[in-house]
Amino acid sequence: MPAESTPDELTLRGAQQRVDEWIQTIGVRYFDEMTNLAQLIEEVGEVARILSRTCGEQSYKSTDTPGELSDELADVLFVVLCLANQSGIDLTEALRANLAKKTKRDKDRHRNNAKLH
C-alpha cells in the first residue's frame, strides 16, 4: 500500500509522469537517446563544475556566474527521467531492485572498510 503523500510530494513514478506530460505539451517530443545522453553528460559536467569550485580546490573566474547546485542536480534528474521514459523503465521498480542488489552485495563491505572509520 503506497504511503500517503501531500500534493507537493513527488514520487519517482509521479516525476516520470510529469516529465512525460511536459515533453508532450511543451517539449514537443523527446530528443533521441544519444542527444539526451549528451545532455546528461553536459548537466553532470555543470554539477562537477560547481562542486569543484565550492568543495574542491578550483576557484571561480571573475567572469563566472556561479550556478545553483540544486538546479543543476534537477537538470540531471530531468534528463535521467527522460531516458527512463524513452526506454520504458519504471525507475521506482529499478531503484527498489538496485537497492536490494546493493544491500545483498554490500551488507558488510562498507562496515568492514577501515578507510571509512
C-alpha atoms as a PDB file:
ATOM      1  CA  MET A   1       0.000   0.000   0.000  1.00  0.00           C
ATOM      2  CA  PRO A   2       1.578   3.347  -1.009  1.00  0.00           C
ATOM      3  CA  ALA A   3       2.334   5.867   1.705  1.00  0.00           C
ATOM      4  CA  GLU A   4       0.107   8.911   1.966  1.00  0.00           C
ATOM      5  CA  SER A   5       1.589  11.916   0.233  1.00  0.00           C
ATOM      6  CA  THR A   6       0.878  15.603   0.165  1.00  0.00           C
ATOM      7  CA  PRO A   7       0.128  17.358  -3.135  1.00  0.00           C
ATOM      8  CA  ASP A   8       3.646  18.831  -3.158  1.00  0.00           C
ATOM      9  CA  GLU A   9       5.405  15.473  -2.802  1.00  0.00           C
ATOM     10  CA  LEU A  10       6.611  13.860  -5.986  1.00  0.00           C
ATOM     11  CA  THR A  11       7.405  10.163  -6.257  1.00  0.00           C
ATOM     12  CA  LEU A  12       9.747   8.802  -8.893  1.00  0.00           C
ATOM     13  CA  ARG A  13       6.784   7.391 -10.785  1.00  0.00           C
ATOM     14  CA  GLY A  14       4.979  10.707 -10.483  1.00  0.00           C
ATOM     15  CA  ALA A  15       8.079  12.551 -11.658  1.00  0.00           C
ATOM     16  CA  GLN A  16       8.295  10.298 -14.700  1.00  0.00           C
ATOM     17  CA  GLN A  17       4.654  11.079 -15.498  1.00  0.00           C
ATOM     18  CA  ARG A  18       5.124  14.830 -15.000  1.00  0.00           C
ATOM     19  CA  VAL A  19       8.186  14.867 -17.266  1.00  0.00           C
ATOM     20  CA  ASP A  20       6.297  12.898 -19.915  1.00  0.00           C
ATOM     21  CA  GLU A  21       3.376  15.338 -19.732  1.00  0.00           C
ATOM     22  CA  TRP A  22       5.800  18.262 -20.010  1.00  0.00           C
ATOM     23  CA  ILE A  23       7.523  16.709 -23.022  1.00  0.00           C
ATOM     24  CA  GLN A  24       4.190  16.014 -24.748  1.00  0.00           C
ATOM     25  CA  THR A  25       2.759  19.502 -24.141  1.00  0.00           C
ATOM     26  CA  ILE A  26       5.744  21.878 -24.050  1.00  0.00           C
ATOM     27  CA  GLY A  27       8.780  19.973 -25.258  1.00  0.00           C
ATOM     28  CA  VAL A  28       7.034  18.712 -28.437  1.00  0.00           C
ATOM     29  CA  ARG A  29       8.841  15.346 -28.339  1.00  0.00           C
ATOM     30  CA  TYR A  30      11.728  13.577 -26.629  1.00  0.00           C
ATOM     31  CA  PHE A  31      15.181  14.206 -28.012  1.00  0.00           C
ATOM     32  CA  ASP A  32      16.676  10.968 -29.299  1.00  0.00           C
ATOM     33  CA  GLU A  33      18.592   8.895 -26.759  1.00  0.00           C
ATOM     34  CA  MET A  34      22.031   9.956 -27.981  1.00  0.00           C
ATOM     35  CA  THR A  35      21.084  13.634 -27.715  1.00  0.00           C
ATOM     36  CA  ASN A  36      19.751  13.001 -24.213  1.00  0.00           C
ATOM     37  CA  LEU A  37      22.984  11.204 -23.328  1.00  0.00           C
ATOM     38  CA  ALA A  38      24.926  14.266 -24.485  1.00  0.00           C
ATOM     39  CA  GLN A  39      22.570  16.466 -22.433  1.00  0.00           C
ATOM     40  CA  LEU A  40      23.113  14.255 -19.382  1.00  0.00           C
ATOM     41  CA  ILE A  41      26.884  14.489 -19.708  1.00  0.00           C
ATOM     42  CA  GLU A  42      26.636  18.265 -20.092  1.00  0.00           C
ATOM     43  CA  GLU A  43      24.457  18.594 -16.982  1.00  0.00           C
ATOM     44  CA  VAL A  44      26.712  16.311 -14.911  1.00  0.00           C
ATOM     45  CA  GLY A  45      29.613  18.496 -16.034  1.00  0.00           C
ATOM     46  CA  GLU A  46      27.813  21.541 -14.665  1.00  0.00           C
ATOM     47  CA  VAL A  47      27.355  19.750 -11.321  1.00  0.00           C
ATOM     48  CA  ALA A  48      31.066  18.888 -11.346  1.00  0.00           C
ATOM     49  CA  ARG A  49      31.980  22.494 -12.105  1.00  0.00           C
ATOM     50  CA  ILE A  50      30.012  23.802  -9.126  1.00  0.00           C
ATOM     51  CA  LEU A  51      31.341  21.163  -6.736  1.00  0.00           C
ATOM     52  CA  SER A  52      34.944  21.569  -7.872  1.00  0.00           C
ATOM     53  CA  ARG A  53      34.687  25.271  -7.076  1.00  0.00           C
ATOM     54  CA  THR A  54      32.683  25.088  -3.853  1.00  0.00           C
ATOM     55  CA  CYS A  55      34.087  21.885  -2.313  1.00  0.00           C
ATOM     56  CA  GLY A  56      37.258  21.331  -4.297  1.00  0.00           C
ATOM     57  CA  GLU A  57      40.365  23.348  -4.971  1.00  0.00           C
ATOM     58  CA  GLN A  58      39.178  25.213  -8.063  1.00  0.00           C
ATOM     59  CA  SER A  59      38.104  28.842  -7.830  1.00  0.00           C
ATOM     60  CA  TYR A  60      35.633  30.821  -9.889  1.00  0.00           C
ATOM     61  CA  LYS A  61      36.946  33.167 -12.569  1.00  0.00           C
ATOM     62  CA  SER A  62      35.889  36.770 -12.203  1.00  0.00           C
ATOM     63  CA  THR A  63      33.716  36.309 -15.302  1.00  0.00           C
ATOM     64  CA  ASP A  64      31.984  33.148 -13.998  1.00  0.00           C
ATOM     65  CA  THR A  65      28.377  33.182 -12.951  1.00  0.00           C
ATOM     66  CA  PRO A  66      28.099  30.551 -10.239  1.00  0.00           C
ATOM     67  CA  GLY A  67      25.383  28.015 -10.954  1.00  0.00           C
ATOM     68  CA  GLU A  68      22.924  26.719  -8.398  1.00  0.00           C
ATOM     69  CA  LEU A  69      23.720  23.121  -7.395  1.00  0.00           C
ATOM     70  CA  SER A  70      20.056  22.301  -6.726  1.00  0.00           C
ATOM     71  CA  ASP A  71      19.065  23.472 -10.214  1.00  0.00           C
ATOM     72  CA  GLU A  72      21.863  21.534 -11.906  1.00  0.00           C
ATOM     73  CA  LEU A  73      21.014  18.350  -9.981  1.00  0.00           C
ATOM     74  CA  ALA A  74      17.380  18.813 -11.039  1.00  0.00           C
ATOM     75  CA  ASP A  75      18.574  19.144 -14.667  1.00  0.00           C
ATOM     76  CA  VAL A  76      20.444  15.824 -14.298  1.00  0.00           C
ATOM     77  CA  LEU A  77      17.337  14.189 -12.843  1.00  0.00           C
ATOM     78  CA  PHE A  78      15.142  15.573 -15.637  1.00  0.00           C
ATOM     79  CA  VAL A  79      17.340  14.010 -18.325  1.00  0.00           C
ATOM     80  CA  VAL A  80      17.548  10.705 -16.418  1.00  0.00           C
ATOM     81  CA  LEU A  81      13.739  10.680 -16.217  1.00  0.00           C
ATOM     82  CA  CYS A  82      13.547  11.343 -19.960  1.00  0.00           C
ATOM     83  CA  LEU A  83      15.906   8.459 -20.720  1.00  0.00           C
ATOM     84  CA  ALA A  84      13.935   6.139 -18.434  1.00  0.00           C
ATOM     85  CA  ASN A  85      10.666   7.125 -20.114  1.00  0.00           C
ATOM     86  CA  GLN A  86      12.127   6.590 -23.570  1.00  0.00           C
ATOM     87  CA  SER A  87      13.447   3.181 -22.538  1.00  0.00           C
ATOM     88  CA  GLY A  88      10.231   2.023 -20.861  1.00  0.00           C
ATOM     89  CA  ILE A  89      11.930   1.823 -17.450  1.00  0.00           C
ATOM     90  CA  ASP A  90       9.934   2.283 -14.262  1.00  0.00           C
ATOM     91  CA  LEU A  91      12.541   3.983 -12.077  1.00  0.00           C
ATOM     92  CA  THR A  92      10.613   3.184  -8.901  1.00  0.00           C
ATOM     93  CA  GLU A  93      10.984  -0.532  -9.554  1.00  0.00           C
ATOM     94  CA  ALA A  94      14.515  -0.132 -10.905  1.00  0.00           C
ATOM     95  CA  LEU A  95      15.614   1.716  -7.750  1.00  0.00           C
ATOM     96  CA  ARG A  96      13.966  -0.881  -5.490  1.00  0.00           C
ATOM     97  CA  ALA A  97      15.801  -3.670  -7.312  1.00  0.00           C
ATOM     98  CA  ASN A  98      19.065  -1.721  -7.278  1.00  0.00           C
ATOM     99  CA  LEU A  99      18.866  -1.072  -3.525  1.00  0.00           C
ATOM    100  CA  ALA A 100      18.125  -4.766  -2.894  1.00  0.00           C
ATOM    101  CA  LYS A 101      21.150  -5.715  -5.009  1.00  0.00           C
ATOM    102  CA  LYS A 102      23.428  -3.278  -3.175  1.00  0.00           C
ATOM    103  CA  THR A 103      22.103  -4.362   0.217  1.00  0.00           C
ATOM    104  CA  LYS A 104      22.818  -8.023  -0.513  1.00  0.00           C
ATOM    105  CA  ARG A 105      26.200  -7.367  -2.113  1.00  0.00           C
ATOM    106  CA  ASP A 106      27.476  -4.759   0.327  1.00  0.00           C
ATOM    107  CA  LYS A 107      25.852  -5.971   3.552  1.00  0.00           C
ATOM    108  CA  ASP A 108      29.187  -5.905   5.418  1.00  0.00           C
ATOM    109  CA  ARG A 109      31.545  -4.418   2.842  1.00  0.00           C
ATOM    110  CA  HIS A 110      31.414  -0.765   3.920  1.00  0.00           C
ATOM    111  CA  ARG A 111      31.131  -1.552   7.625  1.00  0.00           C
ATOM    112  CA  ASN A 112      34.362  -3.568   7.341  1.00  0.00           C
ATOM    113  CA  ASN A 113      36.191  -0.927   5.311  1.00  0.00           C
ATOM    114  CA  ALA A 114      38.825   0.593   7.590  1.00  0.00           C
ATOM    115  CA  LYS A 115      39.084   3.617   5.264  1.00  0.00           C
ATOM    116  CA  LEU A 116      35.553   4.637   6.275  1.00  0.00           C
ATOM    117  CA  HIS A 117      36.230   4.692  10.011  1.00  0.00           C
END
